Amino acid sequence: MGVWNGTEGLSNPSTLSATDGTMFSNGTRPVSTFEVATPWARNTQVKVVRLTAPGTNAKSEIAVAGTVFDDETGKPVVGGKSGRLGDEVSEVIHVGAKGVVKFDVQRAEGVLLEIGGSFC
């Protein structure tokens, strides 16, 4: 939900080096809080799965739910800061009053909200 150009994950063997980033953001990466109105019942469990990267300009070190993928094969690998192989990292939050779901998102991060099933 906004641009944040980091200094990590800038190259990838499957992309042109001419597209590697040269402009970077300064300071602390901003975080925004979102409140989304849903038709979901209060206290319903909502799983938050994050798409994260070092920045908007990243070509590598991109993770889905904490899993990092190989730049050439696309397979899950041990890597990134988590050092995990395919371990899903997600959060469970609850629907608030009037169906409102509230969560934080860093710049250059995406989230998937999922309901149903058991997330504990």
PDB file of N, CA and C in Angstrom:
ATOM      1  N   MET A   1       0.828  -1.188   0.000  1.00  0.00           N
ATOM      2  CA  MET A   1       0.000   0.000   0.000  1.00  0.00           C
ATOM      3  C   MET A   1       0.871   1.250   0.000  1.00  0.00           C
ATOM      4  N   GLY A   2       1.939   1.184  -0.756  1.00  0.00           N
ATOM      5  CA  GLY A   2       2.831   2.316  -0.871  1.00  0.00           C
ATOM      6  C   GLY A   2       4.201   1.847  -1.278  1.00  0.00           C
ATOM      7  N   VAL A   3       4.992   2.734  -1.833  1.00  0.00           N
ATOM      8  CA  VAL A   3       6.327   2.397  -2.311  1.00  0.00           C
ATOM      9  C   VAL A   3       7.327   2.454  -1.163  1.00  0.00           C
ATOM     10  N   TRP A   4       8.192   1.460  -1.096  1.00  0.00           N
ATOM     11  CA  TRP A   4       9.330   1.443  -0.173  1.00  0.00           C
ATOM     12  C   TRP A   4      10.447   0.708  -0.896  1.00  0.00           C
ATOM     13  N   ASN A   5      11.456   1.421  -1.306  1.00  0.00           N
ATOM     14  CA  ASN A   5      12.580   0.820  -2.017  1.00  0.00           C
ATOM     15  C   ASN A   5      13.681   0.484  -1.038  1.00  0.00           C
ATOM     16  N   GLY A   6      13.920  -0.814  -0.858  1.00  0.00           N
ATOM     17  CA  GLY A   6      14.942  -1.291   0.056  1.00  0.00           C
ATOM     18  C   GLY A   6      16.284  -1.449  -0.637  1.00  0.00           C
ATOM     19  N   THR A   7      17.265  -1.877   0.133  1.00  0.00           N
ATOM     20  CA  THR A   7      18.619  -2.062  -0.400  1.00  0.00           C
ATOM     21  C   THR A   7      18.989  -3.541  -0.490  1.00  0.00           C
ATOM     22  N   GLU A   8      18.073  -4.455  -0.183  1.00  0.00           N
ATOM     23  CA  GLU A   8      18.326  -5.888  -0.254  1.00  0.00           C
ATOM     24  C   GLU A   8      17.469  -6.505  -1.358  1.00  0.00           C
ATOM     25  N   GLY A   9      17.869  -7.683  -1.832  1.00  0.00           N
ATOM     26  CA  GLY A   9      17.084  -8.416  -2.813  1.00  0.00           C
ATOM     27  C   GLY A   9      16.975  -7.717  -4.153  1.00  0.00           C
ATOM     28  N   LEU A  10      18.017  -6.980  -4.543  1.00  0.00           N
ATOM     29  CA  LEU A  10      17.931  -6.152  -5.741  1.00  0.00           C
ATOM     30  C   LEU A  10      18.228  -6.881  -7.042  1.00  0.00           C
ATOM     31  N   SER A  11      18.907  -8.006  -6.992  1.00  0.00           N
ATOM     32  CA  SER A  11      19.237  -8.688  -8.237  1.00  0.00           C
ATOM     33  C   SER A  11      18.596 -10.062  -8.280  1.00  0.00           C
ATOM     34  N   ASN A  12      18.473 -10.576  -9.484  1.00  0.00           N
ATOM     35  CA  ASN A  12      17.887 -11.879  -9.711  1.00  0.00           C
ATOM     36  C   ASN A  12      18.434 -12.360 -11.042  1.00  0.00           C
ATOM     37  N   PRO A  13      18.992 -13.576 -11.113  1.00  0.00           N
ATOM     38  CA  PRO A  13      19.587 -14.038 -12.350  1.00  0.00           C
ATOM     39  C   PRO A  13      18.594 -14.172 -13.507  1.00  0.00           C
ATOM     40  N   SER A  14      17.304 -14.194 -13.212  1.00  0.00           N
ATOM     41  CA  SER A  14      16.317 -14.346 -14.286  1.00  0.00           C
ATOM     42  C   SER A  14      15.805 -13.010 -14.821  1.00  0.00           C
ATOM     43  N   THR A  15      16.356 -11.898 -14.340  1.00  0.00           N
ATOM     44  CA  THR A  15      15.921 -10.586 -14.821  1.00  0.00           C
ATOM     45  C   THR A  15      17.111  -9.793 -15.345  1.00  0.00           C
ATOM     46  N   LEU A  16      16.823  -8.746 -16.076  1.00  0.00           N
ATOM     47  CA  LEU A  16      17.877  -7.889 -16.613  1.00  0.00           C
ATOM     48  C   LEU A  16      18.499  -7.050 -15.510  1.00  0.00           C
ATOM     49  N   SER A  17      19.829  -6.991 -15.477  1.00  0.00           N
ATOM     50  CA  SER A  17      20.488  -6.182 -14.449  1.00  0.00           C
ATOM     51  C   SER A  17      20.230  -4.697 -14.659  1.00  0.00           C
ATOM     52  N   ALA A  18      19.870  -4.309 -15.889  1.00  0.00           N
ATOM     53  CA  ALA A  18      19.579  -2.901 -16.176  1.00  0.00           C
ATOM     54  C   ALA A  18      18.357  -2.416 -15.392  1.00  0.00           C
ATOM     55  N   THR A  19      17.536  -3.356 -14.898  1.00  0.00           N
ATOM     56  CA  THR A  19      16.343  -2.965 -14.144  1.00  0.00           C
ATOM     57  C   THR A  19      16.582  -2.989 -12.636  1.00  0.00           C
ATOM     58  N   ASP A  20      17.818  -3.267 -12.212  1.00  0.00           N
ATOM     59  CA  ASP A  20      18.129  -3.254 -10.775  1.00  0.00           C
ATOM     60  C   ASP A  20      17.928  -1.838 -10.232  1.00  0.00           C
ATOM     61  N   GLY A  21      17.408  -1.751  -9.027  1.00  0.00           N
ATOM     62  CA  GLY A  21      17.110  -0.455  -8.424  1.00  0.00           C
ATOM     63  C   GLY A  21      18.332   0.374  -8.114  1.00  0.00           C
ATOM     64  N   THR A  22      18.168   1.674  -8.196  1.00  0.00           N
ATOM     65  CA  THR A  22      19.246   2.595  -7.842  1.00  0.00           C
ATOM     66  C   THR A  22      18.770   3.689  -6.888  1.00  0.00           C
ATOM     67  N   MET A  23      17.470   3.768  -6.654  1.00  0.00           N
ATOM     68  CA  MET A  23      16.920   4.772  -5.742  1.00  0.00           C
ATOM     69  C   MET A  23      16.322   4.048  -4.539  1.00  0.00           C
ATOM     70  N   PHE A  24      16.684   4.520  -3.336  1.00  0.00           N
ATOM     71  CA  PHE A  24      16.288   3.821  -2.133  1.00  0.00           C
ATOM     72  C   PHE A  24      15.572   4.751  -1.158  1.00  0.00           C
ATOM     73  N   SER A  25      14.678   4.165  -0.361  1.00  0.00           N
ATOM     74  CA  SER A  25      13.941   4.926   0.641  1.00  0.00           C
ATOM     75  C   SER A  25      14.795   5.095   1.894  1.00  0.00           C
ATOM     76  N   ASN A  26      14.613   6.207   2.574  1.00  0.00           N
ATOM     77  CA  ASN A  26      15.356   6.505   3.794  1.00  0.00           C
ATOM     78  C   ASN A  26      14.448   6.375   5.003  1.00  0.00           C
ATOM     79  N   GLY A  27      15.063   6.156   6.149  1.00  0.00           N
ATOM     80  CA  GLY A  27      14.310   6.133   7.392  1.00  0.00           C
ATOM     81  C   GLY A  27      13.691   4.780   7.686  1.00  0.00           C
ATOM     82  N   THR A  28      12.708   4.798   8.547  1.00  0.00           N
ATOM     83  CA  THR A  28      12.013   3.591   8.971  1.00  0.00           C
ATOM     84  C   THR A  28      10.869   3.288   8.011  1.00  0.00           C
ATOM     85  N   ARG A  29      10.707   2.040   7.689  1.00  0.00           N
ATOM     86  CA  ARG A  29       9.651   1.610   6.763  1.00  0.00           C
ATOM     87  C   ARG A  29       8.285   1.886   7.386  1.00  0.00           C
ATOM     88  N   PRO A  30       7.459   2.682   6.729  1.00  0.00           N
ATOM     89  CA  PRO A  30       6.152   3.036   7.294  1.00  0.00           C
ATOM     90  C   PRO A  30       5.189   1.849   7.388  1.00  0.00           C
ATOM     91  N   VAL A  31       4.317   1.920   8.357  1.00  0.00           N
ATOM     92  CA  VAL A  31       3.267   0.922   8.574  1.00  0.00           C
ATOM     93  C   VAL A  31       1.937   1.651   8.599  1.00  0.00           C
ATOM     94  N   SER A  32       0.956   1.089   7.907  1.00  0.00           N
ATOM     95  CA  SER A  32      -0.401   1.647   7.922  1.00  0.00           C
ATOM     96  C   SER A  32      -1.341   0.648   8.578  1.00  0.00           C
ATOM     97  N   THR A  33      -2.322   1.145   9.292  1.00  0.00           N
ATOM     98  CA  THR A  33      -3.351   0.300   9.888  1.00  0.00           C
ATOM     99  C   THR A  33      -4.603   0.399   9.026  1.00  0.00           C
ATOM    100  N   PHE A  34      -5.141  -0.761   8.663  1.00  0.00           N
ATOM    101  CA  PHE A  34      -6.346  -0.815   7.842  1.00  0.00           C
ATOM    102  C   PHE A  34      -7.495  -1.375   8.641  1.00  0.00           C
ATOM    103  N   GLU A  35      -8.666  -0.827   8.402  1.00  0.00           N
ATOM    104  CA  GLU A  35      -9.898  -1.344   8.967  1.00  0.00           C
ATOM    105  C   GLU A  35     -10.820  -1.643   7.795  1.00  0.00           C
ATOM    106  N   VAL A  36     -11.132  -2.934   7.610  1.00  0.00           N
ATOM    107  CA  VAL A  36     -11.919  -3.377   6.464  1.00  0.00           C
ATOM    108  C   VAL A  36     -13.286  -3.845   6.949  1.00  0.00           C
ATOM    109  N   ALA A  37     -14.347  -3.272   6.367  1.00  0.00           N
ATOM    110  CA  ALA A  37     -15.707  -3.689   6.699  1.00  0.00           C
ATOM    111  C   ALA A  37     -16.015  -4.971   5.934  1.00  0.00           C
ATOM    112  N   THR A  38     -16.463  -5.989   6.646  1.00  0.00           N
ATOM    113  CA  THR A  38     -16.788  -7.278   6.031  1.00  0.00           C
ATOM    114  C   THR A  38     -18.191  -7.699   6.461  1.00  0.00           C
ATOM    115  N   PRO A  39     -18.749  -8.708   5.802  1.00  0.00           N
ATOM    116  CA  PRO A  39     -20.034  -9.254   6.254  1.00  0.00           C
ATOM    117  C   PRO A  39     -19.847 -10.351   7.307  1.00  0.00           C
ATOM    118  N   TRP A  40     -18.619 -10.538   7.784  1.00  0.00           N
ATOM    119  CA  TRP A  40     -18.297 -11.629   8.686  1.00  0.00           C
ATOM    120  C   TRP A  40     -18.760 -11.336  10.111  1.00  0.00           C
ATOM    121  N   ALA A  41     -19.116 -12.391  10.840  1.00  0.00           N
ATOM    122  CA  ALA A  41     -19.620 -12.269  12.206  1.00  0.00           C
ATOM    123  C   ALA A  41     -18.489 -11.902  13.172  1.00  0.00           C
ATOM    124  N   ARG A  42     -18.851 -11.141  14.175  1.00  0.00           N
ATOM    125  CA  ARG A  42     -17.889 -10.751  15.218  1.00  0.00           C
ATOM    126  C   ARG A  42     -17.226 -12.000  15.816  1.00  0.00           C
ATOM    127  N   ASN A  43     -15.941 -11.902  16.116  1.00  0.00           N
ATOM    128  CA  ASN A  43     -15.118 -12.960  16.709  1.00  0.00           C
ATOM    129  C   ASN A  43     -14.775 -14.098  15.748  1.00  0.00           C
ATOM    130  N   THR A  44     -15.183 -14.005  14.477  1.00  0.00           N
ATOM    131  CA  THR A  44     -14.763 -14.997  13.499  1.00  0.00           C
ATOM    132  C   THR A  44     -13.247 -14.917  13.354  1.00  0.00           C
ATOM    133  N   GLN A  45     -12.592 -16.068  13.282  1.00  0.00           N
ATOM    134  CA  GLN A  45     -11.139 -16.083  13.104  1.00  0.00           C
ATOM    135  C   GLN A  45     -10.792 -15.752  11.658  1.00  0.00           C
ATOM    136  N   VAL A  46      -9.798 -14.897  11.489  1.00  0.00           N
ATOM    137  CA  VAL A  46      -9.311 -14.495  10.172  1.00  0.00           C
ATOM    138  C   VAL A  46      -7.816 -14.751  10.136  1.00  0.00           C
ATOM    139  N   LYS A  47      -7.398 -15.513   9.148  1.00  0.00           N
ATOM    140  CA  LYS A  47      -5.966 -15.787   8.975  1.00  0.00           C
ATOM    141  C   LYS A  47      -5.387 -14.706   8.077  1.00  0.00           C
ATOM    142  N   VAL A  48      -4.273 -14.097   8.503  1.00  0.00           N
ATOM    143  CA  VAL A  48      -3.583 -13.072   7.728  1.00  0.00           C
ATOM    144  C   VAL A  48      -2.306 -13.699   7.174  1.00  0.00           C
ATOM    145  N   VAL A  49      -2.235 -13.804   5.844  1.00  0.00           N
ATOM    146  CA  VAL A  49      -1.051 -14.337   5.171  1.00  0.00           C
ATOM    147  C   VAL A  49      -0.372 -13.163   4.479  1.00  0.00           C
ATOM    148  N   ARG A  50       0.920 -12.998   4.712  1.00  0.00           N
ATOM    149  CA  ARG A  50       1.639 -11.834   4.190  1.00  0.00           C
ATOM    150  C   ARG A  50       2.546 -12.182   3.015  1.00  0.00           C
ATOM    151  N   LEU A  51       2.539 -11.301   2.013  1.00  0.00           N
ATOM    152  CA  LEU A  51       3.506 -11.314   0.926  1.00  0.00           C
ATOM    153  C   LEU A  51       4.511 -10.234   1.277  1.00  0.00           C
ATOM    154  N   THR A  52       5.750 -10.620   1.556  1.00  0.00           N
ATOM    155  CA  THR A  52       6.745  -9.666   2.018  1.00  0.00           C
ATOM    156  C   THR A  52       7.975  -9.669   1.112  1.00  0.00           C
ATOM    157  N   ALA A  53       8.663  -8.574   1.115  1.00  0.00           N
ATOM    158  CA  ALA A  53       9.901  -8.415   0.357  1.00  0.00           C
ATOM    159  C   ALA A  53      10.703  -7.308   1.022  1.00  0.00           C
ATOM    160  N   PRO A  54      12.008  -7.247   0.713  1.00  0.00           N
ATOM    161  CA  PRO A  54      12.818  -6.171   1.285  1.00  0.00           C
ATOM    162  C   PRO A  54      12.375  -4.779   0.829  1.00  0.00           C
ATOM    163  N   GLY A  55      11.624  -4.712  -0.261  1.00  0.00           N
ATOM    164  CA  GLY A  55      11.130  -3.433  -0.758  1.00  0.00           C
ATOM    165  C   GLY A  55      10.364  -3.613  -2.050  1.00  0.00           C
ATOM    166  N   THR A  56       9.764  -2.533  -2.528  1.00  0.00           N
ATOM    167  CA  THR A  56       9.008  -2.558  -3.775  1.00  0.00           C
ATOM    168  C   THR A  56       9.903  -2.941  -4.946  1.00  0.00           C
ATOM    169  N   ASN A  57      11.165  -2.587  -4.852  1.00  0.00           N
ATOM    170  CA  ASN A  57      12.135  -2.819  -5.914  1.00  0.00           C
ATOM    171  C   ASN A  57      12.797  -4.194  -5.844  1.00  0.00           C
ATOM    172  N   ALA A  58      12.392  -5.053  -4.924  1.00  0.00           N
ATOM    173  CA  ALA A  58      13.041  -6.353  -4.733  1.00  0.00           C
ATOM    174  C   ALA A  58      12.743  -7.310  -5.884  1.00  0.00           C
ATOM    175  N   LYS A  59      13.764  -8.066  -6.251  1.00  0.00           N
ATOM    176  CA  LYS A  59      13.640  -9.118  -7.252  1.00  0.00           C
ATOM    177  C   LYS A  59      13.914 -10.488  -6.643  1.00  0.00           C
ATOM    178  N   SER A  60      14.347 -10.511  -5.411  1.00  0.00           N
ATOM    179  CA  SER A  60      14.618 -11.755  -4.703  1.00  0.00           C
ATOM    180  C   SER A  60      14.328 -11.533  -3.221  1.00  0.00           C
ATOM    181  N   GLU A  61      14.444 -12.606  -2.443  1.00  0.00           N
ATOM    182  CA  GLU A  61      14.142 -12.575  -1.009  1.00  0.00           C
ATOM    183  C   GLU A  61      12.681 -12.217  -0.755  1.00  0.00           C
ATOM    184  N   ILE A  62      11.824 -12.618  -1.683  1.00  0.00           N
ATOM    185  CA  ILE A  62      10.387 -12.401  -1.556  1.00  0.00           C
ATOM    186  C   ILE A  62       9.788 -13.643  -0.907  1.00  0.00           C
ATOM    187  N   ALA A  63       8.877 -13.443   0.021  1.00  0.00           N
ATOM    188  CA  ALA A  63       8.315 -14.571   0.757  1.00  0.00           C
ATOM    189  C   ALA A  63       6.793 -14.485   0.795  1.00  0.00           C
ATOM    190  N   VAL A  64       6.180 -15.661   0.810  1.00  0.00           N
ATOM    191  CA  VAL A  64       4.743 -15.779   1.007  1.00  0.00           C
ATOM    192  C   VAL A  64       4.566 -16.570   2.292  1.00  0.00           C
ATOM    193  N   ALA A  65       3.921 -15.982   3.261  1.00  0.00           N
ATOM    194  CA  ALA A  65       3.705 -16.613   4.564  1.00  0.00           C
ATOM    195  C   ALA A  65       5.007 -17.125   5.157  1.00  0.00           C
ATOM    196  N   GLY A  66       6.100 -16.377   4.943  1.00  0.00           N
ATOM    197  CA  GLY A  66       7.378 -16.740   5.522  1.00  0.00           C
ATOM    198  C   GLY A  66       8.217 -17.687   4.689  1.00  0.00           C
ATOM    199  N   THR A  67       7.673 -18.229   3.597  1.00  0.00           N
ATOM    200  CA  THR A  67       8.416 -19.144   2.741  1.00  0.00           C
ATOM    201  C   THR A  67       9.089 -18.362   1.628  1.00  0.00           C
ATOM    202  N   VAL A  68      10.402 -18.562   1.479  1.00  0.00           N
ATOM    203  CA  VAL A  68      11.197 -17.914   0.440  1.00  0.00           C
ATOM    204  C   VAL A  68      11.334 -18.900  -0.716  1.00  0.00           C
ATOM    205  N   PHE A  69      11.374 -18.375  -1.944  1.00  0.00           N
ATOM    206  CA  PHE A  69      11.437 -19.227  -3.124  1.00  0.00           C
ATOM    207  C   PHE A  69      12.720 -18.997  -3.908  1.00  0.00           C
ATOM    208  N   ASP A  70      13.254 -20.063  -4.504  1.00  0.00           N
ATOM    209  CA  ASP A  70      14.460 -19.984  -5.313  1.00  0.00           C
ATOM    210  C   ASP A  70      14.208 -19.102  -6.530  1.00  0.00           C
ATOM    211  N   ASP A  71      15.154 -18.197  -6.832  1.00  0.00           N
ATOM    212  CA  ASP A  71      15.002 -17.254  -7.940  1.00  0.00           C
ATOM    213  C   ASP A  71      14.915 -17.939  -9.294  1.00  0.00           C
ATOM    214  N   GLU A  72      15.575 -19.071  -9.461  1.00  0.00           N
ATOM    215  CA  GLU A  72      15.604 -19.731 -10.762  1.00  0.00           C
ATOM    216  C   GLU A  72      14.553 -20.821 -10.904  1.00  0.00           C
ATOM    217  N   THR A  73      14.326 -21.612  -9.847  1.00  0.00           N
ATOM    218  CA  THR A  73      13.403 -22.744  -9.960  1.00  0.00           C
ATOM    219  C   THR A  73      12.007 -22.444  -9.438  1.00  0.00           C
ATOM    220  N   GLY A  74      11.894 -21.464  -8.558  1.00  0.00           N
ATOM    221  CA  GLY A  74      10.603 -21.152  -7.965  1.00  0.00           C
ATOM    222  C   GLY A  74      10.226 -22.081  -6.823  1.00  0.00           C
ATOM    223  N   LYS A  75      11.113 -23.020  -6.469  1.00  0.00           N
ATOM    224  CA  LYS A  75      10.828 -23.965  -5.395  1.00  0.00           C
ATOM    225  C   LYS A  75      11.113 -23.331  -4.031  1.00  0.00           C
ATOM    226  N   PRO A  76      10.364 -23.760  -3.001  1.00  0.00           N
ATOM    227  CA  PRO A  76      10.630 -23.259  -1.655  1.00  0.00           C
ATOM    228  C   PRO A  76      12.042 -23.650  -1.228  1.00  0.00           C
ATOM    229  N   VAL A  77      12.743 -22.736  -0.581  1.00  0.00           N
ATOM    230  CA  VAL A  77      14.111 -22.995  -0.140  1.00  0.00           C
ATOM    231  C   VAL A  77      14.340 -22.470   1.265  1.00  0.00           C
ATOM    232  N   VAL A  78      15.377 -23.012   1.889  1.00  0.00           N
ATOM    233  CA  VAL A  78      15.826 -22.434   3.143  1.00  0.00           C
ATOM    234  C   VAL A  78      16.506 -21.142   2.769  1.00  0.00           C
ATOM    235  N   GLY A  79      16.056 -20.057   3.316  1.00  0.00           N
ATOM    236  CA  GLY A  79      16.658 -18.792   2.924  1.00  0.00           C
ATOM    237  C   GLY A  79      16.036 -17.625   3.631  1.00  0.00           C
ATOM    238  N   GLY A  80      16.421 -16.467   3.192  1.00  0.00           N
ATOM    239  CA  GLY A  80      15.917 -15.255   3.818  1.00  0.00           C
ATOM    240  C   GLY A  80      16.303 -15.214   5.279  1.00  0.00           C
ATOM    241  N   LYS A  81      15.700 -14.342   5.995  1.00  0.00           N
ATOM    242  CA  LYS A  81      16.036 -14.163   7.402  1.00  0.00           C
ATOM    243  C   LYS A  81      15.402 -15.243   8.274  1.00  0.00           C
ATOM    244  N   SER A  82      14.343 -15.903   7.761  1.00  0.00           N
ATOM    245  CA  SER A  82      13.659 -16.900   8.577  1.00  0.00           C
ATOM    246  C   SER A  82      14.425 -18.215   8.648  1.00  0.00           C
ATOM    247  N   GLY A  83      15.174 -18.562   7.575  1.00  0.00           N
ATOM    248  CA  GLY A  83      15.890 -19.830   7.553  1.00  0.00           C
ATOM    249  C   GLY A  83      14.971 -21.027   7.496  1.00  0.00           C
ATOM    250  N   ARG A  84      13.713 -20.844   7.142  1.00  0.00           N
ATOM    251  CA  ARG A  84      12.730 -21.924   7.126  1.00  0.00           C
ATOM    252  C   ARG A  84      12.559 -22.496   5.714  1.00  0.00           C
ATOM    253  N   LEU A  85      12.107 -23.716   5.658  1.00  0.00           N
ATOM    254  CA  LEU A  85      11.776 -24.352   4.401  1.00  0.00           C
ATOM    255  C   LEU A  85      10.292 -24.671   4.412  1.00  0.00           C
ATOM    256  N   GLY A  86       9.510 -23.834   3.792  1.00  0.00           N
ATOM    257  CA  GLY A  86       8.099 -24.119   3.633  1.00  0.00           C
ATOM    258  C   GLY A  86       7.246 -24.020   4.887  1.00  0.00           C
ATOM    259  N   ASP A  87       7.790 -23.586   6.009  1.00  0.00           N
ATOM    260  CA  ASP A  87       6.971 -23.431   7.208  1.00  0.00           C
ATOM    261  C   ASP A  87       6.086 -22.204   7.034  1.00  0.00           C
ATOM    262  N   GLU A  88       4.788 -22.405   7.096  1.00  0.00           N
ATOM    263  CA  GLU A  88       3.883 -21.279   6.920  1.00  0.00           C
ATOM    264  C   GLU A  88       3.845 -20.431   8.179  1.00  0.00           C
ATOM    265  N   VAL A  89       3.990 -19.141   7.981  1.00  0.00           N
ATOM    266  CA  VAL A  89       3.913 -18.191   9.086  1.00  0.00           C
ATOM    267  C   VAL A  89       2.701 -17.316   8.813  1.00  0.00           C
ATOM    268  N   SER A  90       1.734 -17.375   9.686  1.00  0.00           N
ATOM    269  CA  SER A  90       0.557 -16.529   9.516  1.00  0.00           C
ATOM    270  C   SER A  90       0.076 -16.081  10.884  1.00  0.00           C
ATOM    271  N   GLU A  91      -0.788 -15.117  10.852  1.00  0.00           N
ATOM    272  CA  GLU A  91      -1.358 -14.584  12.084  1.00  0.00           C
ATOM    273  C   GLU A  91      -2.833 -14.907  12.092  1.00  0.00           C
ATOM    274  N   VAL A  92      -3.392 -15.003  13.263  1.00  0.00           N
ATOM    275  CA  VAL A  92      -4.839 -15.155  13.392  1.00  0.00           C
ATOM    276  C   VAL A  92      -5.349 -13.943  14.158  1.00  0.00           C
ATOM    277  N   ILE A  93      -6.280 -13.242  13.538  1.00  0.00           N
ATOM    278  CA  ILE A  93      -6.934 -12.115  14.191  1.00  0.00           C
ATOM    279  C   ILE A  93      -8.426 -12.413  14.234  1.00  0.00           C
ATOM    280  N   HIS A  94      -9.181 -11.569  14.880  1.00  0.00           N
ATOM    281  CA  HIS A  94     -10.623 -11.797  15.001  1.00  0.00           C
ATOM    282  C   HIS A  94     -11.402 -10.602  14.474  1.00  0.00           C
ATOM    283  N   VAL A  95     -12.538 -10.909  13.883  1.00  0.00           N
ATOM    284  CA  VAL A  95     -13.434  -9.870  13.393  1.00  0.00           C
ATOM    285  C   VAL A  95     -13.970  -9.096  14.590  1.00  0.00           C
ATOM    286  N   GLY A  96     -13.965  -7.780  14.458  1.00  0.00           N
ATOM    287  CA  GLY A  96     -14.445  -6.921  15.530  1.00  0.00           C
ATOM    288  C   GLY A  96     -15.917  -6.560  15.363  1.00  0.00           C
ATOM    289  N   ALA A  97     -16.325  -5.548  16.081  1.00  0.00           N
ATOM    290  CA  ALA A  97     -17.711  -5.072  16.045  1.00  0.00           C
ATOM    291  C   ALA A  97     -18.104  -4.659  14.633  1.00  0.00           C
ATOM    292  N   LYS A  98     -19.316  -4.931  14.257  1.00  0.00           N
ATOM    293  CA  LYS A  98     -19.891  -4.567  12.953  1.00  0.00           C
ATOM    294  C   LYS A  98     -19.106  -5.158  11.781  1.00  0.00           C
ATOM    295  N   GLY A  99     -18.427  -6.290  12.007  1.00  0.00           N
ATOM    296  CA  GLY A  99     -17.730  -6.980  10.928  1.00  0.00           C
ATOM    297  C   GLY A  99     -16.413  -6.359  10.512  1.00  0.00           C
ATOM    298  N   VAL A 100     -15.855  -5.465  11.324  1.00  0.00           N
ATOM    299  CA  VAL A 100     -14.617  -4.778  10.954  1.00  0.00           C
ATOM    300  C   VAL A 100     -13.400  -5.647  11.305  1.00  0.00           C
ATOM    301  N   VAL A 101     -12.508  -5.775  10.315  1.00  0.00           N
ATOM    302  CA  VAL A 101     -11.241  -6.484  10.512  1.00  0.00           C
ATOM    303  C   VAL A 101     -10.140  -5.431  10.476  1.00  0.00           C
ATOM    304  N   LYS A 102      -9.281  -5.430  11.502  1.00  0.00           N
ATOM    305  CA  LYS A 102      -8.235  -4.416  11.622  1.00  0.00           C
ATOM    306  C   LYS A 102      -6.870  -5.098  11.614  1.00  0.00           C
ATOM    307  N   PHE A 103      -5.953  -4.584  10.773  1.00  0.00           N
ATOM    308  CA  PHE A 103      -4.616  -5.168  10.673  1.00  0.00           C
ATOM    309  C   PHE A 103      -3.638  -4.125  10.161  1.00  0.00           C
ATOM    310  N   ASP A 104      -2.341  -4.363  10.425  1.00  0.00           N
ATOM    311  CA  ASP A 104      -1.271  -3.471   9.977  1.00  0.00           C
ATOM    312  C   ASP A 104      -0.617  -4.037   8.717  1.00  0.00           C
ATOM    313  N   VAL A 105      -0.161  -3.131   7.845  1.00  0.00           N
ATOM    314  CA  VAL A 105       0.547  -3.510   6.623  1.00  0.00           C
ATOM    315  C   VAL A 105       1.721  -2.550   6.445  1.00  0.00           C
ATOM    316  N   GLN A 106       2.928  -3.118   6.258  1.00  0.00           N
ATOM    317  CA  GLN A 106       4.091  -2.293   5.956  1.00  0.00           C
ATOM    318  C   GLN A 106       4.023  -1.851   4.504  1.00  0.00           C
ATOM    319  N   ARG A 107       4.729  -0.774   4.176  1.00  0.00           N
ATOM    320  CA  ARG A 107       4.853  -0.380   2.773  1.00  0.00           C
ATOM    321  C   ARG A 107       5.477  -1.536   1.998  1.00  0.00           C
ATOM    322  N   ALA A 108       5.039  -1.737   0.774  1.00  0.00           N
ATOM    323  CA  ALA A 108       5.540  -2.788  -0.124  1.00  0.00           C
ATOM    324  C   ALA A 108       5.246  -4.187   0.412  1.00  0.00           C
ATOM    325  N   GLU A 109       4.164  -4.343   1.144  1.00  0.00           N
ATOM    326  CA  GLU A 109       3.747  -5.639   1.663  1.00  0.00           C
ATOM    327  C   GLU A 109       2.288  -5.832   1.270  1.00  0.00           C
ATOM    328  N   GLY A 110       1.900  -7.066   1.029  1.00  0.00           N
ATOM    329  CA  GLY A 110       0.510  -7.372   0.727  1.00  0.00           C
ATOM    330  C   GLY A 110      -0.009  -8.384   1.722  1.00  0.00           C
ATOM    331  N   VAL A 111      -1.319  -8.412   1.910  1.00  0.00           N
ATOM    332  CA  VAL A 111      -1.917  -9.393   2.810  1.00  0.00           C
ATOM    333  C   VAL A 111      -3.105 -10.076   2.137  1.00  0.00           C
ATOM    334  N   LEU A 112      -3.304 -11.317   2.519  1.00  0.00           N
ATOM    335  CA  LEU A 112      -4.465 -12.095   2.117  1.00  0.00           C
ATOM    336  C   LEU A 112      -5.221 -12.417   3.385  1.00  0.00           C
ATOM    337  N   LEU A 113      -6.495 -12.081   3.421  1.00  0.00           N
ATOM    338  CA  LEU A 113      -7.337 -12.399   4.573  1.00  0.00           C
ATOM    339  C   LEU A 113      -8.144 -13.631   4.227  1.00  0.00           C
ATOM    340  N   GLU A 114      -8.108 -14.630   5.098  1.00  0.00           N
ATOM    341  CA  GLU A 114      -8.753 -15.906   4.812  1.00  0.00           C
ATOM    342  C   GLU A 114      -9.613 -16.308   6.011  1.00  0.00           C
ATOM    343  N   ILE A 115     -10.846 -16.713   5.738  1.00  0.00           N
ATOM    344  CA  ILE A 115     -11.694 -17.220   6.820  1.00  0.00           C
ATOM    345  C   ILE A 115     -12.061 -18.653   6.499  1.00  0.00           C
ATOM    346  N   GLY A 116     -12.514 -19.354   7.514  1.00  0.00           N
ATOM    347  CA  GLY A 116     -12.894 -20.756   7.349  1.00  0.00           C
ATOM    348  C   GLY A 116     -11.802 -21.669   7.846  1.00  0.00           C
ATOM    349  N   GLY A 117     -12.171 -22.854   8.282  1.00  0.00           N
ATOM    350  CA  GLY A 117     -11.164 -23.789   8.763  1.00  0.00           C
ATOM    351  C   GLY A 117     -10.726 -23.452  10.161  1.00  0.00           C
ATOM    352  N   SER A 118      -9.781 -24.224  10.647  1.00  0.00           N
ATOM    353  CA  SER A 118      -9.235 -24.015  11.980  1.00  0.00           C
ATOM    354  C   SER A 118      -7.822 -23.478  11.848  1.00  0.00           C
ATOM    355  N   PHE A 119      -7.556 -22.310  12.410  1.00  0.00           N
ATOM    356  CA  PHE A 119      -6.266 -21.667  12.255  1.00  0.00           C
ATOM    357  C   PHE A 119      -5.432 -21.714  13.523  1.00  0.00           C
ATOM    358  N   CYS A 120      -5.870 -22.380  14.532  1.00  0.00           N
ATOM    359  CA  CYS A 120      -5.129 -22.388  15.800  1.00  0.00           C
ATOM    360  C   CYS A 120      -3.908 -23.261  15.719  1.00  0.00           C
TER     361      CYS A 120
END
